[in-house]
Amino acid sequence: MKRIHVALKQNSYDIVIGSGTLASLASQLKKIGAGNNTIVITNPLIRKTWGKQLSDLLNRGGFTTTFLVVADTEKSKSMH
């Protein structure tokens, strides 16, 4: 797995890329002290392709999962 740190003035975060990242997501969330409720913001195609597997993995890890599906457009990438 490759970890890329996104350094911001506030709320910096890491992006993890690589094989097996989905399977280890619940343990990674626990490791950083995340709460038990997750919200996944995604587009319809990704939700259809990966949603059930992601939800099942998170549920088995003790998380509840809610999906917020947004249109796959540039406009939907902004909150303005």
N, C-alpha and C. Protein backbone atom coordinates (compact mmCIF):
# COMPACT_ATOMS: atom_id res chain seq x y z
N MET A 1 0.83 -1.18 0.00
CA MET A 1 0.00 0.00 0.00
C MET A 1 0.87 1.25 0.00
N LYS A 2 0.40 2.25 -0.70
CA LYS A 2 1.11 3.52 -0.75
C LYS A 2 0.26 4.55 -0.02
N ARG A 3 0.89 5.35 0.81
CA ARG A 3 0.19 6.39 1.58
C ARG A 3 0.67 7.75 1.09
N ILE A 4 -0.29 8.60 0.72
CA ILE A 4 0.02 9.96 0.28
C ILE A 4 -0.59 10.91 1.30
N HIS A 5 0.24 11.77 1.87
CA HIS A 5 -0.24 12.73 2.86
C HIS A 5 -0.63 14.03 2.16
N VAL A 6 -1.85 14.47 2.41
CA VAL A 6 -2.33 15.74 1.87
C VAL A 6 -2.23 16.75 3.01
N ALA A 7 -1.21 17.61 2.91
CA ALA A 7 -0.93 18.57 3.97
C ALA A 7 -1.71 19.86 3.73
N LEU A 8 -2.60 20.16 4.65
CA LEU A 8 -3.40 21.37 4.59
C LEU A 8 -3.15 22.18 5.85
N LYS A 9 -3.53 23.43 5.85
CA LYS A 9 -3.39 24.24 7.06
C LYS A 9 -4.22 23.65 8.19
N GLN A 10 -5.39 23.16 7.85
CA GLN A 10 -6.28 22.49 8.80
C GLN A 10 -6.79 21.21 8.16
N ASN A 11 -7.02 20.21 8.98
CA ASN A 11 -7.64 18.96 8.52
C ASN A 11 -6.84 18.22 7.46
N SER A 12 -5.55 18.10 7.66
CA SER A 12 -4.73 17.29 6.75
C SER A 12 -5.21 15.84 6.82
N TYR A 13 -4.93 15.08 5.78
CA TYR A 13 -5.37 13.69 5.75
C TYR A 13 -4.46 12.87 4.85
N ASP A 14 -4.59 11.54 4.97
CA ASP A 14 -3.84 10.62 4.14
C ASP A 14 -4.77 9.94 3.14
N ILE A 15 -4.22 9.64 1.98
CA ILE A 15 -4.89 8.82 0.98
C ILE A 15 -4.08 7.53 0.88
N VAL A 16 -4.77 6.40 0.99
CA VAL A 16 -4.10 5.11 0.91
C VAL A 16 -4.50 4.44 -0.40
N ILE A 17 -3.50 4.04 -1.17
CA ILE A 17 -3.72 3.45 -2.50
C ILE A 17 -3.02 2.09 -2.53
N GLY A 18 -3.70 1.10 -3.08
CA GLY A 18 -3.02 -0.17 -3.26
C GLY A 18 -3.95 -1.36 -3.15
N SER A 19 -3.42 -2.50 -3.47
CA SER A 19 -4.16 -3.76 -3.40
C SER A 19 -4.45 -4.09 -1.94
N GLY A 20 -5.69 -4.47 -1.66
CA GLY A 20 -6.06 -4.87 -0.31
C GLY A 20 -6.53 -3.74 0.58
N THR A 21 -6.58 -2.52 0.06
CA THR A 21 -6.98 -1.39 0.91
C THR A 21 -8.44 -1.50 1.35
N LEU A 22 -9.30 -1.98 0.49
CA LEU A 22 -10.71 -2.11 0.85
C LEU A 22 -10.89 -3.12 1.98
N ALA A 23 -10.22 -4.25 1.87
CA ALA A 23 -10.35 -5.30 2.88
C ALA A 23 -9.85 -4.86 4.25
N SER A 24 -8.91 -3.93 4.29
CA SER A 24 -8.36 -3.50 5.58
C SER A 24 -8.95 -2.18 6.06
N LEU A 25 -9.98 -1.68 5.38
CA LEU A 25 -10.52 -0.36 5.71
C LEU A 25 -11.04 -0.28 7.14
N ALA A 26 -11.82 -1.25 7.59
CA ALA A 26 -12.36 -1.21 8.95
C ALA A 26 -11.25 -1.15 9.99
N SER A 27 -10.23 -1.96 9.83
CA SER A 27 -9.13 -1.95 10.81
C SER A 27 -8.37 -0.63 10.74
N GLN A 28 -8.22 -0.07 9.57
CA GLN A 28 -7.54 1.23 9.44
C GLN A 28 -8.35 2.34 10.11
N LEU A 29 -9.67 2.31 9.96
CA LEU A 29 -10.52 3.30 10.60
C LEU A 29 -10.44 3.19 12.12
N LYS A 30 -10.44 1.97 12.63
CA LYS A 30 -10.30 1.76 14.08
C LYS A 30 -8.95 2.26 14.57
N LYS A 31 -7.93 2.02 13.78
CA LYS A 31 -6.57 2.42 14.14
C LYS A 31 -6.45 3.93 14.33
N ILE A 32 -7.19 4.70 13.54
CA ILE A 32 -7.11 6.16 13.67
C ILE A 32 -8.16 6.71 14.63
N GLY A 33 -8.93 5.82 15.25
CA GLY A 33 -9.90 6.26 16.25
C GLY A 33 -11.19 6.82 15.68
N ALA A 34 -11.56 6.38 14.49
CA ALA A 34 -12.81 6.85 13.88
C ALA A 34 -14.01 6.33 14.67
N GLY A 35 -15.11 7.05 14.61
CA GLY A 35 -16.34 6.60 15.26
C GLY A 35 -16.92 5.41 14.54
N ASN A 36 -18.06 4.92 15.01
CA ASN A 36 -18.65 3.71 14.44
C ASN A 36 -19.60 3.96 13.28
N ASN A 37 -19.89 5.22 12.99
CA ASN A 37 -20.79 5.56 11.89
C ASN A 37 -19.98 6.08 10.72
N THR A 38 -20.23 5.54 9.53
CA THR A 38 -19.51 5.99 8.35
C THR A 38 -20.50 6.55 7.32
N ILE A 39 -20.06 7.57 6.61
CA ILE A 39 -20.80 8.10 5.48
C ILE A 39 -19.87 8.03 4.28
N VAL A 40 -20.31 7.35 3.25
CA VAL A 40 -19.53 7.19 2.05
C VAL A 40 -20.15 8.09 0.98
N ILE A 41 -19.39 9.07 0.52
CA ILE A 41 -19.85 9.96 -0.55
C ILE A 41 -19.30 9.42 -1.86
N THR A 42 -20.18 9.10 -2.78
CA THR A 42 -19.76 8.42 -4.00
C THR A 42 -20.70 8.77 -5.15
N ASN A 43 -20.36 8.27 -6.33
CA ASN A 43 -21.24 8.45 -7.48
C ASN A 43 -22.01 7.15 -7.74
N PRO A 44 -23.03 7.18 -8.58
CA PRO A 44 -23.86 5.99 -8.80
C PRO A 44 -23.10 4.76 -9.28
N LEU A 45 -22.14 4.92 -10.19
CA LEU A 45 -21.41 3.76 -10.71
C LEU A 45 -20.55 3.10 -9.64
N ILE A 46 -19.83 3.89 -8.88
CA ILE A 46 -18.99 3.32 -7.81
C ILE A 46 -19.86 2.67 -6.75
N ARG A 47 -20.98 3.29 -6.42
CA ARG A 47 -21.92 2.71 -5.44
C ARG A 47 -22.41 1.35 -5.93
N LYS A 48 -22.79 1.28 -7.20
CA LYS A 48 -23.29 0.03 -7.77
C LYS A 48 -22.19 -1.04 -7.80
N THR A 49 -20.97 -0.65 -8.14
CA THR A 49 -19.87 -1.60 -8.30
C THR A 49 -19.30 -2.07 -6.97
N TRP A 50 -19.10 -1.17 -6.03
CA TRP A 50 -18.38 -1.49 -4.79
C TRP A 50 -19.20 -1.33 -3.51
N GLY A 51 -20.40 -0.77 -3.61
CA GLY A 51 -21.18 -0.44 -2.42
C GLY A 51 -21.47 -1.60 -1.49
N LYS A 52 -21.97 -2.70 -2.01
CA LYS A 52 -22.32 -3.84 -1.15
C LYS A 52 -21.08 -4.41 -0.48
N GLN A 53 -20.01 -4.59 -1.24
CA GLN A 53 -18.79 -5.13 -0.65
C GLN A 53 -18.26 -4.20 0.44
N LEU A 54 -18.25 -2.91 0.18
CA LEU A 54 -17.77 -1.95 1.16
C LEU A 54 -18.65 -1.95 2.41
N SER A 55 -19.95 -1.92 2.22
CA SER A 55 -20.87 -1.94 3.34
C SER A 55 -20.72 -3.21 4.18
N ASP A 56 -20.63 -4.35 3.52
CA ASP A 56 -20.46 -5.63 4.23
C ASP A 56 -19.16 -5.63 5.04
N LEU A 57 -18.06 -5.16 4.45
CA LEU A 57 -16.78 -5.13 5.16
C LEU A 57 -16.83 -4.21 6.37
N LEU A 58 -17.41 -3.05 6.20
CA LEU A 58 -17.51 -2.11 7.31
C LEU A 58 -18.44 -2.63 8.39
N ASN A 59 -19.56 -3.22 8.01
CA ASN A 59 -20.49 -3.78 8.99
C ASN A 59 -19.84 -4.90 9.80
N ARG A 60 -19.11 -5.76 9.15
CA ARG A 60 -18.40 -6.83 9.86
C ARG A 60 -17.35 -6.26 10.81
N GLY A 61 -16.84 -5.08 10.49
CA GLY A 61 -15.86 -4.43 11.35
C GLY A 61 -16.48 -3.61 12.46
N GLY A 62 -17.81 -3.62 12.56
CA GLY A 62 -18.49 -2.91 13.64
C GLY A 62 -18.97 -1.51 13.30
N PHE A 63 -18.98 -1.18 12.02
CA PHE A 63 -19.40 0.14 11.57
C PHE A 63 -20.79 0.09 10.94
N THR A 64 -21.54 1.17 11.08
CA THR A 64 -22.75 1.34 10.29
C THR A 64 -22.38 2.20 9.09
N THR A 65 -23.02 1.96 7.98
CA THR A 65 -22.63 2.65 6.74
C THR A 65 -23.84 3.30 6.08
N THR A 66 -23.70 4.56 5.75
CA THR A 66 -24.70 5.29 5.00
C THR A 66 -24.03 5.80 3.73
N PHE A 67 -24.72 5.66 2.60
CA PHE A 67 -24.19 6.15 1.33
C PHE A 67 -24.90 7.44 0.94
N LEU A 68 -24.12 8.41 0.54
CA LEU A 68 -24.63 9.64 -0.04
C LEU A 68 -24.17 9.62 -1.49
N VAL A 69 -25.12 9.38 -2.39
CA VAL A 69 -24.80 9.25 -3.81
C VAL A 69 -25.04 10.59 -4.49
N VAL A 70 -24.00 11.10 -5.14
CA VAL A 70 -24.08 12.37 -5.85
C VAL A 70 -23.83 12.13 -7.33
N ALA A 71 -24.33 13.04 -8.14
CA ALA A 71 -24.16 12.92 -9.59
C ALA A 71 -22.68 12.94 -9.95
N ASP A 72 -22.36 12.29 -11.03
CA ASP A 72 -20.97 12.21 -11.51
C ASP A 72 -20.70 13.40 -12.44
N THR A 73 -20.71 14.60 -11.85
CA THR A 73 -20.49 15.82 -12.63
C THR A 73 -19.54 16.74 -11.87
N GLU A 74 -18.94 17.66 -12.56
CA GLU A 74 -18.06 18.64 -11.93
C GLU A 74 -18.83 19.49 -10.93
N LYS A 75 -20.06 19.84 -11.26
CA LYS A 75 -20.88 20.67 -10.38
C LYS A 75 -21.10 19.99 -9.03
N SER A 76 -21.25 18.68 -9.01
CA SER A 76 -21.51 17.99 -7.75
C SER A 76 -20.29 17.88 -6.85
N LYS A 77 -19.12 18.25 -7.36
CA LYS A 77 -17.90 18.20 -6.56
C LYS A 77 -17.71 19.43 -5.68
N SER A 78 -18.63 20.37 -5.77
CA SER A 78 -18.51 21.61 -5.01
C SER A 78 -19.73 21.78 -4.12
N MET A 79 -19.52 22.36 -2.96
CA MET A 79 -20.63 22.64 -2.05
C MET A 79 -21.14 24.06 -2.24
N HIS A 80 -20.63 24.76 -3.23
CA HIS A 80 -21.04 26.16 -3.45
C HIS A 80 -22.17 26.23 -4.43
